[in-house]
Amino acid sequence: TGIMAAHTAGLRVGETTIAEALKSRGYRTGFFGKWHMGWVKPEQL
């Protein structure tokens, strides 16, 4: 995935996540807590 350490990358949209897989099967999906695979604020630099 290219995420080989902390704060060195972000999860690429080209990856298929469990959330995307289950959403395609009719699931409602939710994330809660520490993400740490990219910034969560768009203005954060």
PDB file of all heavy atoms in Angstrom:
ATOM      1  N   THR A   1       0.809  -1.224   0.000  1.00  0.00           N
ATOM      2  CA  THR A   1       0.000   0.000   0.000  1.00  0.00           C
ATOM      3  C   THR A   1       0.835   1.264   0.000  1.00  0.00           C
ATOM      4  O   THR A   1       0.308   2.349  -0.235  1.00  0.00           O
ATOM      5  CB  THR A   1      -0.921   0.022   1.228  1.00  0.00           C
ATOM      6  OG1 THR A   1      -0.126   0.201   2.419  1.00  0.00           O
ATOM      7  CG2 THR A   1      -1.722  -1.271   1.353  1.00  0.00           C
ATOM      8  N   GLY A   2       2.117   1.139   0.325  1.00  0.00           N
ATOM      9  CA  GLY A   2       2.980   2.311   0.416  1.00  0.00           C
ATOM     10  C   GLY A   2       2.992   2.951   1.787  1.00  0.00           C
ATOM     11  O   GLY A   2       3.708   3.930   2.016  1.00  0.00           O
ATOM     12  N   ILE A   3       2.211   2.421   2.731  1.00  0.00           N
ATOM     13  CA  ILE A   3       2.214   2.953   4.101  1.00  0.00           C
ATOM     14  C   ILE A   3       3.167   2.087   4.913  1.00  0.00           C
ATOM     15  O   ILE A   3       2.803   1.040   5.449  1.00  0.00           O
ATOM     16  CB  ILE A   3       0.807   2.958   4.703  1.00  0.00           C
ATOM     17  CG1 ILE A   3      -0.109   3.842   3.858  1.00  0.00           C
ATOM     18  CG2 ILE A   3       0.840   3.452   6.144  1.00  0.00           C
ATOM     19  CD1 ILE A   3      -1.518   3.967   4.387  1.00  0.00           C
ATOM     20  N   MET A   4       4.423   2.526   4.998  1.00  0.00           N
ATOM     21  CA  MET A   4       5.471   1.707   5.598  1.00  0.00           C
ATOM     22  C   MET A   4       5.979   2.256   6.920  1.00  0.00           C
ATOM     23  O   MET A   4       6.854   1.669   7.549  1.00  0.00           O
ATOM     24  CB  MET A   4       6.612   1.539   4.603  1.00  0.00           C
ATOM     25  CG  MET A   4       6.166   0.785   3.348  1.00  0.00           C
ATOM     26  SD  MET A   4       7.464   0.560   2.118  1.00  0.00           S
ATOM     27  CE  MET A   4       7.439   2.161   1.319  1.00  0.00           C
ATOM     28  N   ALA A   5       5.441   3.401   7.352  1.00  0.00           N
ATOM     29  CA  ALA A   5       5.776   3.992   8.643  1.00  0.00           C
ATOM     30  C   ALA A   5       4.691   5.008   8.966  1.00  0.00           C
ATOM     31  O   ALA A   5       3.740   5.196   8.184  1.00  0.00           O
ATOM     32  CB  ALA A   5       7.157   4.645   8.617  1.00  0.00           C
ATOM     33  N   ALA A   6       4.801   5.660  10.101  1.00  0.00           N
ATOM     34  CA  ALA A   6       3.804   6.653  10.504  1.00  0.00           C
ATOM     35  C   ALA A   6       4.079   7.991   9.827  1.00  0.00           C
ATOM     36  O   ALA A   6       5.236   8.398   9.673  1.00  0.00           O
ATOM     37  CB  ALA A   6       3.825   6.818  12.017  1.00  0.00           C
ATOM     38  N   HIS A   7       3.007   8.675   9.426  1.00  0.00           N
ATOM     39  CA  HIS A   7       3.095  10.023   8.855  1.00  0.00           C
ATOM     40  C   HIS A   7       3.990  10.078   7.623  1.00  0.00           C
ATOM     41  O   HIS A   7       4.666  11.073   7.382  1.00  0.00           O
ATOM     42  CB  HIS A   7       3.612  11.016   9.910  1.00  0.00           C
ATOM     43  CG  HIS A   7       2.712  11.179  11.083  1.00  0.00           C
ATOM     44  ND1 HIS A   7       1.375  11.494  10.986  1.00  0.00           N
ATOM     45  CD2 HIS A   7       2.969  11.050  12.413  1.00  0.00           C
ATOM     46  CE1 HIS A   7       0.846  11.562  12.199  1.00  0.00           C
ATOM     47  NE2 HIS A   7       1.784  11.284  13.074  1.00  0.00           N
ATOM     48  N   THR A   8       4.016   9.026   6.833  1.00  0.00           N
ATOM     49  CA  THR A   8       4.830   9.045   5.622  1.00  0.00           C
ATOM     50  C   THR A   8       3.990   8.953   4.362  1.00  0.00           C
ATOM     51  O   THR A   8       4.518   9.056   3.267  1.00  0.00           O
ATOM     52  CB  THR A   8       5.838   7.879   5.623  1.00  0.00           C
ATOM     53  OG1 THR A   8       5.130   6.645   5.757  1.00  0.00           O
ATOM     54  CG2 THR A   8       6.832   8.019   6.762  1.00  0.00           C
ATOM     55  N   ALA A   9       2.709   8.746   4.497  1.00  0.00           N
ATOM     56  CA  ALA A   9       1.849   8.580   3.317  1.00  0.00           C
ATOM     57  C   ALA A   9       0.403   8.734   3.758  1.00  0.00           C
ATOM     58  O   ALA A   9       0.103   9.217   4.851  1.00  0.00           O
ATOM     59  CB  ALA A   9       2.089   7.205   2.671  1.00  0.00           C
ATOM     60  N   GLY A  10      -0.493   8.290   2.911  1.00  0.00           N
ATOM     61  CA  GLY A  10      -1.907   8.191   3.216  1.00  0.00           C
ATOM     62  C   GLY A  10      -2.444   7.014   2.429  1.00  0.00           C
ATOM     63  O   GLY A  10      -1.821   6.563   1.457  1.00  0.00           O
ATOM     64  N   LEU A  11      -3.589   6.517   2.816  1.00  0.00           N
ATOM     65  CA  LEU A  11      -4.178   5.388   2.099  1.00  0.00           C
ATOM     66  C   LEU A  11      -4.624   5.845   0.718  1.00  0.00           C
ATOM     67  O   LEU A  11      -5.354   6.823   0.573  1.00  0.00           O
ATOM     68  CB  LEU A  11      -5.358   4.836   2.885  1.00  0.00           C
ATOM     69  CG  LEU A  11      -5.929   3.501   2.407  1.00  0.00           C
ATOM     70  CD1 LEU A  11      -4.896   2.390   2.500  1.00  0.00           C
ATOM     71  CD2 LEU A  11      -7.166   3.133   3.213  1.00  0.00           C
ATOM     72  N   ARG A  12      -4.193   5.143  -0.301  1.00  0.00           N
ATOM     73  CA  ARG A  12      -4.523   5.510  -1.672  1.00  0.00           C
ATOM     74  C   ARG A  12      -5.965   5.110  -1.988  1.00  0.00           C
ATOM     75  O   ARG A  12      -6.428   4.044  -1.594  1.00  0.00           O
ATOM     76  CB  ARG A  12      -3.581   4.803  -2.642  1.00  0.00           C
ATOM     77  CG  ARG A  12      -2.121   5.159  -2.444  1.00  0.00           C
ATOM     78  CD  ARG A  12      -1.242   4.307  -3.341  1.00  0.00           C
ATOM     79  NE  ARG A  12       0.169   4.643  -3.203  1.00  0.00           N
ATOM     80  CZ  ARG A  12       1.146   4.042  -3.878  1.00  0.00           C
ATOM     81  NH1 ARG A  12       0.858   3.069  -4.723  1.00  0.00           N
ATOM     82  NH2 ARG A  12       2.392   4.399  -3.690  1.00  0.00           N
ATOM     83  N   VAL A  13      -6.636   5.950  -2.751  1.00  0.00           N
ATOM     84  CA  VAL A  13      -8.010   5.622  -3.120  1.00  0.00           C
ATOM     85  C   VAL A  13      -8.063   4.439  -4.073  1.00  0.00           C
ATOM     86  O   VAL A  13      -9.115   3.831  -4.263  1.00  0.00           O
ATOM     87  CB  VAL A  13      -8.734   6.845  -3.730  1.00  0.00           C
ATOM     88  CG1 VAL A  13      -8.909   7.929  -2.698  1.00  0.00           C
ATOM     89  CG2 VAL A  13      -7.999   7.357  -4.967  1.00  0.00           C
ATOM     90  N   GLY A  14      -6.934   4.061  -4.651  1.00  0.00           N
ATOM     91  CA  GLY A  14      -6.896   2.879  -5.493  1.00  0.00           C
ATOM     92  C   GLY A  14      -7.005   1.584  -4.733  1.00  0.00           C
ATOM     93  O   GLY A  14      -7.322   0.536  -5.313  1.00  0.00           O
ATOM     94  N   GLU A  15      -6.747   1.628  -3.419  1.00  0.00           N
ATOM     95  CA  GLU A  15      -6.922   0.433  -2.596  1.00  0.00           C
ATOM     96  C   GLU A  15      -8.413   0.186  -2.375  1.00  0.00           C
ATOM     97  O   GLU A  15      -9.194   1.129  -2.232  1.00  0.00           O
ATOM     98  CB  GLU A  15      -6.226   0.607  -1.245  1.00  0.00           C
ATOM     99  CG  GLU A  15      -4.711   0.693  -1.318  1.00  0.00           C
ATOM    100  CD  GLU A  15      -4.057  -0.627  -1.675  1.00  0.00           C
ATOM    101  OE1 GLU A  15      -4.711  -1.686  -1.534  1.00  0.00           O
ATOM    102  OE2 GLU A  15      -2.888  -0.600  -2.103  1.00  0.00           O
ATOM    103  N   THR A  16      -8.789  -1.080  -2.328  1.00  0.00           N
ATOM    104  CA  THR A  16     -10.155  -1.442  -1.968  1.00  0.00           C
ATOM    105  C   THR A  16     -10.182  -1.783  -0.494  1.00  0.00           C
ATOM    106  O   THR A  16      -9.472  -2.686  -0.047  1.00  0.00           O
ATOM    107  CB  THR A  16     -10.645  -2.657  -2.784  1.00  0.00           C
ATOM    108  OG1 THR A  16     -10.657  -2.314  -4.172  1.00  0.00           O
ATOM    109  CG2 THR A  16     -12.047  -3.061  -2.360  1.00  0.00           C
ATOM    110  N   THR A  17     -10.965  -1.060   0.278  1.00  0.00           N
ATOM    111  CA  THR A  17     -11.026  -1.276   1.720  1.00  0.00           C
ATOM    112  C   THR A  17     -12.174  -2.226   2.087  1.00  0.00           C
ATOM    113  O   THR A  17     -13.079  -2.461   1.277  1.00  0.00           O
ATOM    114  CB  THR A  17     -11.237   0.045   2.467  1.00  0.00           C
ATOM    115  OG1 THR A  17     -12.551   0.551   2.159  1.00  0.00           O
ATOM    116  CG2 THR A  17     -10.183   1.075   2.083  1.00  0.00           C
ATOM    117  N   ILE A  18     -12.132  -2.727   3.311  1.00  0.00           N
ATOM    118  CA  ILE A  18     -13.251  -3.550   3.787  1.00  0.00           C
ATOM    119  C   ILE A  18     -14.540  -2.747   3.730  1.00  0.00           C
ATOM    120  O   ILE A  18     -15.603  -3.272   3.388  1.00  0.00           O
ATOM    121  CB  ILE A  18     -13.032  -4.037   5.235  1.00  0.00           C
ATOM    122  CG1 ILE A  18     -11.709  -4.739   5.405  1.00  0.00           C
ATOM    123  CG2 ILE A  18     -14.163  -4.973   5.654  1.00  0.00           C
ATOM    124  CD1 ILE A  18     -11.487  -5.270   6.823  1.00  0.00           C
ATOM    125  N   ALA A  19     -14.470  -1.469   4.076  1.00  0.00           N
ATOM    126  CA  ALA A  19     -15.674  -0.642   4.069  1.00  0.00           C
ATOM    127  C   ALA A  19     -16.285  -0.575   2.671  1.00  0.00           C
ATOM    128  O   ALA A  19     -17.504  -0.692   2.495  1.00  0.00           O
ATOM    129  CB  ALA A  19     -15.351   0.757   4.581  1.00  0.00           C
ATOM    130  N   GLU A  20     -15.453  -0.384   1.662  1.00  0.00           N
ATOM    131  CA  GLU A  20     -15.955  -0.320   0.295  1.00  0.00           C
ATOM    132  C   GLU A  20     -16.538  -1.664  -0.140  1.00  0.00           C
ATOM    133  O   GLU A  20     -17.576  -1.719  -0.810  1.00  0.00           O
ATOM    134  CB  GLU A  20     -14.832   0.104  -0.642  1.00  0.00           C
ATOM    135  CG  GLU A  20     -14.419   1.552  -0.457  1.00  0.00           C
ATOM    136  CD  GLU A  20     -13.128   1.899  -1.154  1.00  0.00           C
ATOM    137  OE1 GLU A  20     -12.246   1.024  -1.274  1.00  0.00           O
ATOM    138  OE2 GLU A  20     -12.996   3.061  -1.577  1.00  0.00           O
ATOM    139  N   ALA A  21     -15.860  -2.746   0.258  1.00  0.00           N
ATOM    140  CA  ALA A  21     -16.359  -4.079  -0.089  1.00  0.00           C
ATOM    141  C   ALA A  21     -17.731  -4.324   0.532  1.00  0.00           C
ATOM    142  O   ALA A  21     -18.665  -4.785  -0.151  1.00  0.00           O
ATOM    143  CB  ALA A  21     -15.363  -5.140   0.384  1.00  0.00           C
ATOM    144  N   LEU A  22     -17.881  -4.004   1.823  1.00  0.00           N
ATOM    145  CA  LEU A  22     -19.150  -4.257   2.501  1.00  0.00           C
ATOM    146  C   LEU A  22     -20.231  -3.274   2.070  1.00  0.00           C
ATOM    147  O   LEU A  22     -21.421  -3.632   2.021  1.00  0.00           O
ATOM    148  CB  LEU A  22     -18.957  -4.230   4.019  1.00  0.00           C
ATOM    149  CG  LEU A  22     -18.659  -5.612   4.631  1.00  0.00           C
ATOM    150  CD1 LEU A  22     -17.395  -6.215   4.065  1.00  0.00           C
ATOM    151  CD2 LEU A  22     -18.591  -5.537   6.144  1.00  0.00           C
ATOM    152  N   LYS A  23     -19.861  -2.083   1.743  1.00  0.00           N
ATOM    153  CA  LYS A  23     -20.843  -1.117   1.245  1.00  0.00           C
ATOM    154  C   LYS A  23     -21.473  -1.620  -0.047  1.00  0.00           C
ATOM    155  O   LYS A  23     -22.680  -1.435  -0.287  1.00  0.00           O
ATOM    156  CB  LYS A  23     -20.168   0.241   1.035  1.00  0.00           C
ATOM    157  CG  LYS A  23     -21.133   1.387   0.835  1.00  0.00           C
ATOM    158  CD  LYS A  23     -20.405   2.721   0.889  1.00  0.00           C
ATOM    159  CE  LYS A  23     -21.369   3.876   0.703  1.00  0.00           C
ATOM    160  NZ  LYS A  23     -20.700   5.192   0.814  1.00  0.00           N
ATOM    161  N   SER A  24     -20.663  -2.291  -0.866  1.00  0.00           N
ATOM    162  CA  SER A  24     -21.204  -2.852  -2.107  1.00  0.00           C
ATOM    163  C   SER A  24     -22.172  -4.004  -1.848  1.00  0.00           C
ATOM    164  O   SER A  24     -22.932  -4.390  -2.737  1.00  0.00           O
ATOM    165  CB  SER A  24     -20.061  -3.344  -3.009  1.00  0.00           C
ATOM    166  OG  SER A  24     -19.484  -4.547  -2.511  1.00  0.00           O
ATOM    167  N   ARG A  25     -22.147  -4.536  -0.611  1.00  0.00           N
ATOM    168  CA  ARG A  25     -23.046  -5.616  -0.221  1.00  0.00           C
ATOM    169  C   ARG A  25     -24.225  -5.111   0.609  1.00  0.00           C
ATOM    170  O   ARG A  25     -24.930  -5.896   1.247  1.00  0.00           O
ATOM    171  CB  ARG A  25     -22.285  -6.680   0.572  1.00  0.00           C
ATOM    172  CG  ARG A  25     -21.134  -7.327  -0.186  1.00  0.00           C
ATOM    173  CD  ARG A  25     -21.617  -8.134  -1.368  1.00  0.00           C
ATOM    174  NE  ARG A  25     -22.483  -9.239  -0.930  1.00  0.00           N
ATOM    175  CZ  ARG A  25     -23.257  -9.939  -1.735  1.00  0.00           C
ATOM    176  NH1 ARG A  25     -23.307  -9.652  -3.016  1.00  0.00           N
ATOM    177  NH2 ARG A  25     -24.005 -10.926  -1.266  1.00  0.00           N
ATOM    178  N   GLY A  26     -24.424  -3.781   0.639  1.00  0.00           N
ATOM    179  CA  GLY A  26     -25.572  -3.212   1.325  1.00  0.00           C
ATOM    180  C   GLY A  26     -25.345  -2.840   2.767  1.00  0.00           C
ATOM    181  O   GLY A  26     -26.303  -2.504   3.484  1.00  0.00           O
ATOM    182  N   TYR A  27     -24.125  -2.865   3.225  1.00  0.00           N
ATOM    183  CA  TYR A  27     -23.816  -2.505   4.608  1.00  0.00           C
ATOM    184  C   TYR A  27     -23.774  -0.992   4.783  1.00  0.00           C
ATOM    185  O   TYR A  27     -23.380  -0.254   3.887  1.00  0.00           O
ATOM    186  CB  TYR A  27     -22.450  -3.063   5.016  1.00  0.00           C
ATOM    187  CG  TYR A  27     -22.435  -4.506   5.438  1.00  0.00           C
ATOM    188  CD1 TYR A  27     -22.640  -5.538   4.522  1.00  0.00           C
ATOM    189  CD2 TYR A  27     -22.178  -4.858   6.761  1.00  0.00           C
ATOM    190  CE1 TYR A  27     -22.604  -6.870   4.900  1.00  0.00           C
ATOM    191  CE2 TYR A  27     -22.139  -6.186   7.157  1.00  0.00           C
ATOM    192  CZ  TYR A  27     -22.353  -7.187   6.222  1.00  0.00           C
ATOM    193  OH  TYR A  27     -22.309  -8.498   6.610  1.00  0.00           O
ATOM    194  N   ARG A  28     -24.136  -0.557   5.978  1.00  0.00           N
ATOM    195  CA  ARG A  28     -23.874   0.804   6.422  1.00  0.00           C
ATOM    196  C   ARG A  28     -22.531   0.768   7.143  1.00  0.00           C
ATOM    197  O   ARG A  28     -22.268  -0.131   7.950  1.00  0.00           O
ATOM    198  CB  ARG A  28     -24.979   1.266   7.376  1.00  0.00           C
ATOM    199  CG  ARG A  28     -24.824   2.660   7.924  1.00  0.00           C
ATOM    200  CD  ARG A  28     -25.190   3.727   6.915  1.00  0.00           C
ATOM    201  NE  ARG A  28     -25.204   5.041   7.545  1.00  0.00           N
ATOM    202  CZ  ARG A  28     -25.266   6.182   6.877  1.00  0.00           C
ATOM    203  NH1 ARG A  28     -25.330   6.168   5.558  1.00  0.00           N
ATOM    204  NH2 ARG A  28     -25.282   7.339   7.516  1.00  0.00           N
ATOM    205  N   THR A  29     -21.647   1.718   6.866  1.00  0.00           N
ATOM    206  CA  THR A  29     -20.274   1.642   7.351  1.00  0.00           C
ATOM    207  C   THR A  29     -19.921   2.848   8.214  1.00  0.00           C
ATOM    208  O   THR A  29     -20.285   3.988   7.892  1.00  0.00           O
ATOM    209  CB  THR A  29     -19.293   1.556   6.169  1.00  0.00           C
ATOM    210  OG1 THR A  29     -19.468   2.713   5.330  1.00  0.00           O
ATOM    211  CG2 THR A  29     -19.544   0.299   5.343  1.00  0.00           C
ATOM    212  N   GLY A  30     -19.192   2.619   9.299  1.00  0.00           N
ATOM    213  CA  GLY A  30     -18.807   3.701  10.198  1.00  0.00           C
ATOM    214  C   GLY A  30     -17.403   3.526  10.729  1.00  0.00           C
ATOM    215  O   GLY A  30     -16.978   2.406  11.058  1.00  0.00           O
ATOM    216  N   PHE A  31     -16.670   4.624  10.830  1.00  0.00           N
ATOM    217  CA  PHE A  31     -15.322   4.626  11.405  1.00  0.00           C
ATOM    218  C   PHE A  31     -15.290   5.545  12.612  1.00  0.00           C
ATOM    219  O   PHE A  31     -15.783   6.676  12.552  1.00  0.00           O
ATOM    220  CB  PHE A  31     -14.267   5.081  10.395  1.00  0.00           C
ATOM    221  CG  PHE A  31     -12.895   5.135  11.018  1.00  0.00           C
ATOM    222  CD1 PHE A  31     -12.115   3.988  11.058  1.00  0.00           C
ATOM    223  CD2 PHE A  31     -12.433   6.291  11.621  1.00  0.00           C
ATOM    224  CE1 PHE A  31     -10.886   4.011  11.695  1.00  0.00           C
ATOM    225  CE2 PHE A  31     -11.200   6.319  12.262  1.00  0.00           C
ATOM    226  CZ  PHE A  31     -10.431   5.166  12.293  1.00  0.00           C
ATOM    227  N   PHE A  32     -14.595   5.091  13.684  1.00  0.00           N
ATOM    228  CA  PHE A  32     -14.564   5.857  14.936  1.00  0.00           C
ATOM    229  C   PHE A  32     -13.198   5.710  15.600  1.00  0.00           C
ATOM    230  O   PHE A  32     -12.775   4.601  15.926  1.00  0.00           O
ATOM    231  CB  PHE A  32     -15.655   5.351  15.882  1.00  0.00           C
ATOM    232  CG  PHE A  32     -17.024   5.303  15.249  1.00  0.00           C
ATOM    233  CD1 PHE A  32     -17.461   4.152  14.597  1.00  0.00           C
ATOM    234  CD2 PHE A  32     -17.847   6.413  15.259  1.00  0.00           C
ATOM    235  CE1 PHE A  32     -18.701   4.100  13.986  1.00  0.00           C
ATOM    236  CE2 PHE A  32     -19.090   6.376  14.639  1.00  0.00           C
ATOM    237  CZ  PHE A  32     -19.519   5.219  13.999  1.00  0.00           C
ATOM    238  N   GLY A  33     -12.502   6.841  15.788  1.00  0.00           N
ATOM    239  CA  GLY A  33     -11.245   6.792  16.525  1.00  0.00           C
ATOM    240  C   GLY A  33     -10.059   7.280  15.718  1.00  0.00           C
ATOM    241  O   GLY A  33     -10.151   8.191  14.896  1.00  0.00           O
ATOM    242  N   LYS A  34      -8.917   6.646  15.963  1.00  0.00           N
ATOM    243  CA  LYS A  34      -7.642   7.067  15.377  1.00  0.00           C
ATOM    244  C   LYS A  34      -7.485   6.476  13.979  1.00  0.00           C
ATOM    245  O   LYS A  34      -7.351   5.275  13.820  1.00  0.00           O
ATOM    246  CB  LYS A  34      -6.487   6.619  16.269  1.00  0.00           C
ATOM    247  CG  LYS A  34      -5.108   6.988  15.733  1.00  0.00           C
ATOM    248  CD  LYS A  34      -4.016   6.445  16.638  1.00  0.00           C
ATOM    249  CE  LYS A  34      -2.640   6.716  16.065  1.00  0.00           C
ATOM    250  NZ  LYS A  34      -1.567   6.146  16.920  1.00  0.00           N
ATOM    251  N   TRP A  35      -7.452   7.309  12.978  1.00  0.00           N
ATOM    252  CA  TRP A  35      -7.347   6.880  11.583  1.00  0.00           C
ATOM    253  C   TRP A  35      -5.893   6.585  11.206  1.00  0.00           C
ATOM    254  O   TRP A  35      -5.532   5.467  10.882  1.00  0.00           O
ATOM    255  CB  TRP A  35      -7.946   7.964  10.691  1.00  0.00           C
ATOM    256  CG  TRP A  35      -7.877   7.719   9.218  1.00  0.00           C
ATOM    257  CD1 TRP A  35      -7.174   8.448   8.291  1.00  0.00           C
ATOM    258  CD2 TRP A  35      -8.569   6.715   8.466  1.00  0.00           C
ATOM    259  NE1 TRP A  35      -7.376   7.962   7.022  1.00  0.00           N
ATOM    260  CE2 TRP A  35      -8.237   6.885   7.106  1.00  0.00           C
ATOM    261  CE3 TRP A  35      -9.432   5.671   8.806  1.00  0.00           C
ATOM    262  CZ2 TRP A  35      -8.730   6.067   6.089  1.00  0.00           C
ATOM    263  CZ3 TRP A  35      -9.935   4.848   7.797  1.00  0.00           C
ATOM    264  CH2 TRP A  35      -9.583   5.054   6.469  1.00  0.00           C
ATOM    265  N   HIS A  36      -5.062   7.603  11.213  1.00  0.00           N
ATOM    266  CA  HIS A  36      -3.612   7.507  11.031  1.00  0.00           C
ATOM    267  C   HIS A  36      -3.191   6.903   9.685  1.00  0.00           C
ATOM    268  O   HIS A  36      -2.148   6.261   9.573  1.00  0.00           O
ATOM    269  CB  HIS A  36      -2.970   6.721  12.175  1.00  0.00           C
ATOM    270  CG  HIS A  36      -1.646   7.308  12.595  1.00  0.00           C
ATOM    271  ND1 HIS A  36      -0.820   6.699  13.498  1.00  0.00           N
ATOM    272  CD2 HIS A  36      -1.032   8.460  12.224  1.00  0.00           C
ATOM    273  CE1 HIS A  36       0.262   7.440  13.682  1.00  0.00           C
ATOM    274  NE2 HIS A  36       0.147   8.516  12.919  1.00  0.00           N
ATOM    275  N   MET A  37      -4.002   7.111   8.668  1.00  0.00           N
ATOM    276  CA  MET A  37      -3.629   6.725   7.305  1.00  0.00           C
ATOM    277  C   MET A  37      -3.852   7.904   6.363  1.00  0.00           C
ATOM    278  O   MET A  37      -4.322   7.757   5.247  1.00  0.00           O
ATOM    279  CB  MET A  37      -4.449   5.507   6.858  1.00  0.00           C
ATOM    280  CG  MET A  37      -4.102   4.234   7.607  1.00  0.00           C
ATOM    281  SD  MET A  37      -5.058   2.810   7.047  1.00  0.00           S
ATOM    282  CE  MET A  37      -6.694   3.271   7.652  1.00  0.00           C
ATOM    283  N   GLY A  38      -3.490   9.088   6.853  1.00  0.00           N
ATOM    284  CA  GLY A  38      -3.700  10.324   6.124  1.00  0.00           C
ATOM    285  C   GLY A  38      -4.419  11.335   7.001  1.00  0.00           C
ATOM    286  O   GLY A  38      -5.055  10.989   8.001  1.00  0.00           O
ATOM    287  N   TRP A  39      -4.309  12.600   6.630  1.00  0.00           N
ATOM    288  CA  TRP A  39      -4.938  13.663   7.410  1.00  0.00           C
ATOM    289  C   TRP A  39      -6.457  13.600   7.287  1.00  0.00           C
ATOM    290  O   TRP A  39      -6.988  13.185   6.254  1.00  0.00           O
ATOM    291  CB  TRP A  39      -4.447  15.031   6.948  1.00  0.00           C
ATOM    292  CG  TRP A  39      -2.961  15.165   6.831  1.00  0.00           C
ATOM    293  CD1 TRP A  39      -2.245  15.540   5.742  1.00  0.00           C
ATOM    294  CD2 TRP A  39      -1.996  14.905   7.856  1.00  0.00           C
ATOM    295  NE1 TRP A  39      -0.902  15.535   6.012  1.00  0.00           N
ATOM    296  CE2 TRP A  39      -0.714  15.154   7.307  1.00  0.00           C
ATOM    297  CE3 TRP A  39      -2.080  14.491   9.192  1.00  0.00           C
ATOM    298  CZ2 TRP A  39       0.462  14.997   8.036  1.00  0.00           C
ATOM    299  CZ3 TRP A  39      -0.908  14.318   9.918  1.00  0.00           C
ATOM    300  CH2 TRP A  39       0.337  14.579   9.349  1.00  0.00           C
ATOM    301  N   VAL A  40      -7.153  14.051   8.332  1.00  0.00           N
ATOM    302  CA  VAL A  40      -8.621  14.073   8.295  1.00  0.00           C
ATOM    303  C   VAL A  40      -9.164  15.495   8.159  1.00  0.00           C
ATOM    304  O   VAL A  40     -10.377  15.672   8.019  1.00  0.00           O
ATOM    305  CB  VAL A  40      -9.224  13.387   9.540  1.00  0.00           C
ATOM    306  CG1 VAL A  40      -8.758  11.936   9.627  1.00  0.00           C
ATOM    307  CG2 VAL A  40      -8.900  14.141  10.826  1.00  0.00           C
ATOM    308  N   LYS A  41      -8.281  16.487   8.207  1.00  0.00           N
ATOM    309  CA  LYS A  41      -8.700  17.879   8.006  1.00  0.00           C
ATOM    310  C   LYS A  41      -8.110  18.376   6.694  1.00  0.00           C
ATOM    311  O   LYS A  41      -6.896  18.337   6.499  1.00  0.00           O
ATOM    312  CB  LYS A  41      -8.217  18.757   9.167  1.00  0.00           C
ATOM    313  CG  LYS A  41      -8.820  18.417  10.516  1.00  0.00           C
ATOM    314  CD  LYS A  41      -8.266  19.328  11.613  1.00  0.00           C
ATOM    315  CE  LYS A  41      -8.877  19.012  12.964  1.00  0.00           C
ATOM    316  NZ  LYS A  41      -8.332  19.886  14.035  1.00  0.00           N
ATOM    317  N   PRO A  42      -8.941  18.875   5.776  1.00  0.00           N
ATOM    318  CA  PRO A  42      -8.422  19.244   4.453  1.00  0.00           C
ATOM    319  C   PRO A  42      -7.420  20.391   4.489  1.00  0.00           C
ATOM    320  O   PRO A  42      -6.538  20.467   3.631  1.00  0.00           O
ATOM    321  CB  PRO A  42      -9.688  19.631   3.679  1.00  0.00           C
ATOM    322  CG  PRO A  42     -10.708  19.939   4.714  1.00  0.00           C
ATOM    323  CD  PRO A  42     -10.389  19.045   5.880  1.00  0.00           C
ATOM    324  N   GLU A  43      -7.532  21.274   5.489  1.00  0.00           N
ATOM    325  CA  GLU A  43      -6.617  22.411   5.557  1.00  0.00           C
ATOM    326  C   GLU A  43      -5.322  22.082   6.284  1.00  0.00           C
ATOM    327  O   GLU A  43      -4.405  22.905   6.337  1.00  0.00           O
ATOM    328  CB  GLU A  43      -7.308  23.594   6.250  1.00  0.00           C
ATOM    329  CG  GLU A  43      -7.482  23.449   7.770  1.00  0.00           C
ATOM    330  CD  GLU A  43      -8.663  22.578   8.169  1.00  0.00           C
ATOM    331  OE1 GLU A  43      -9.305  21.994   7.258  1.00  0.00           O
ATOM    332  OE2 GLU A  43      -8.954  22.488   9.370  1.00  0.00           O
ATOM    333  N   GLN A  44      -5.231  20.883   6.836  1.00  0.00           N
ATOM    334  CA  GLN A  44      -4.045  20.494   7.583  1.00  0.00           C
ATOM    335  C   GLN A  44      -2.888  20.246   6.613  1.00  0.00           C
ATOM    336  O   GLN A  44      -3.005  19.507   5.641  1.00  0.00           O
ATOM    337  CB  GLN A  44      -4.334  19.221   8.385  1.00  0.00           C
ATOM    338  CG  GLN A  44      -3.276  18.847   9.397  1.00  0.00           C
ATOM    339  CD  GLN A  44      -3.743  17.688  10.275  1.00  0.00           C
ATOM    340  OE1 GLN A  44      -4.722  17.025   9.969  1.00  0.00           O
ATOM    341  NE2 GLN A  44      -3.044  17.459  11.364  1.00  0.00           N
ATOM    342  N   LEU A  45      -1.755  20.899   6.874  1.00  0.00           N
ATOM    343  CA  LEU A  45      -0.590  20.776   6.015  1.00  0.00           C
ATOM    344  C   LEU A  45       0.569  20.178   6.796  1.00  0.00           C
ATOM    345  O   LEU A  45       0.736  20.435   7.982  1.00  0.00           O
ATOM    346  CB  LEU A  45      -0.186  22.136   5.456  1.00  0.00           C
ATOM    347  CG  LEU A  45      -1.225  22.851   4.589  1.00  0.00           C
ATOM    348  CD1 LEU A  45      -0.713  24.228   4.184  1.00  0.00           C
ATOM    349  CD2 LEU A  45      -1.560  22.036   3.365  1.00  0.00           C
TER     350      LEU A  45
END
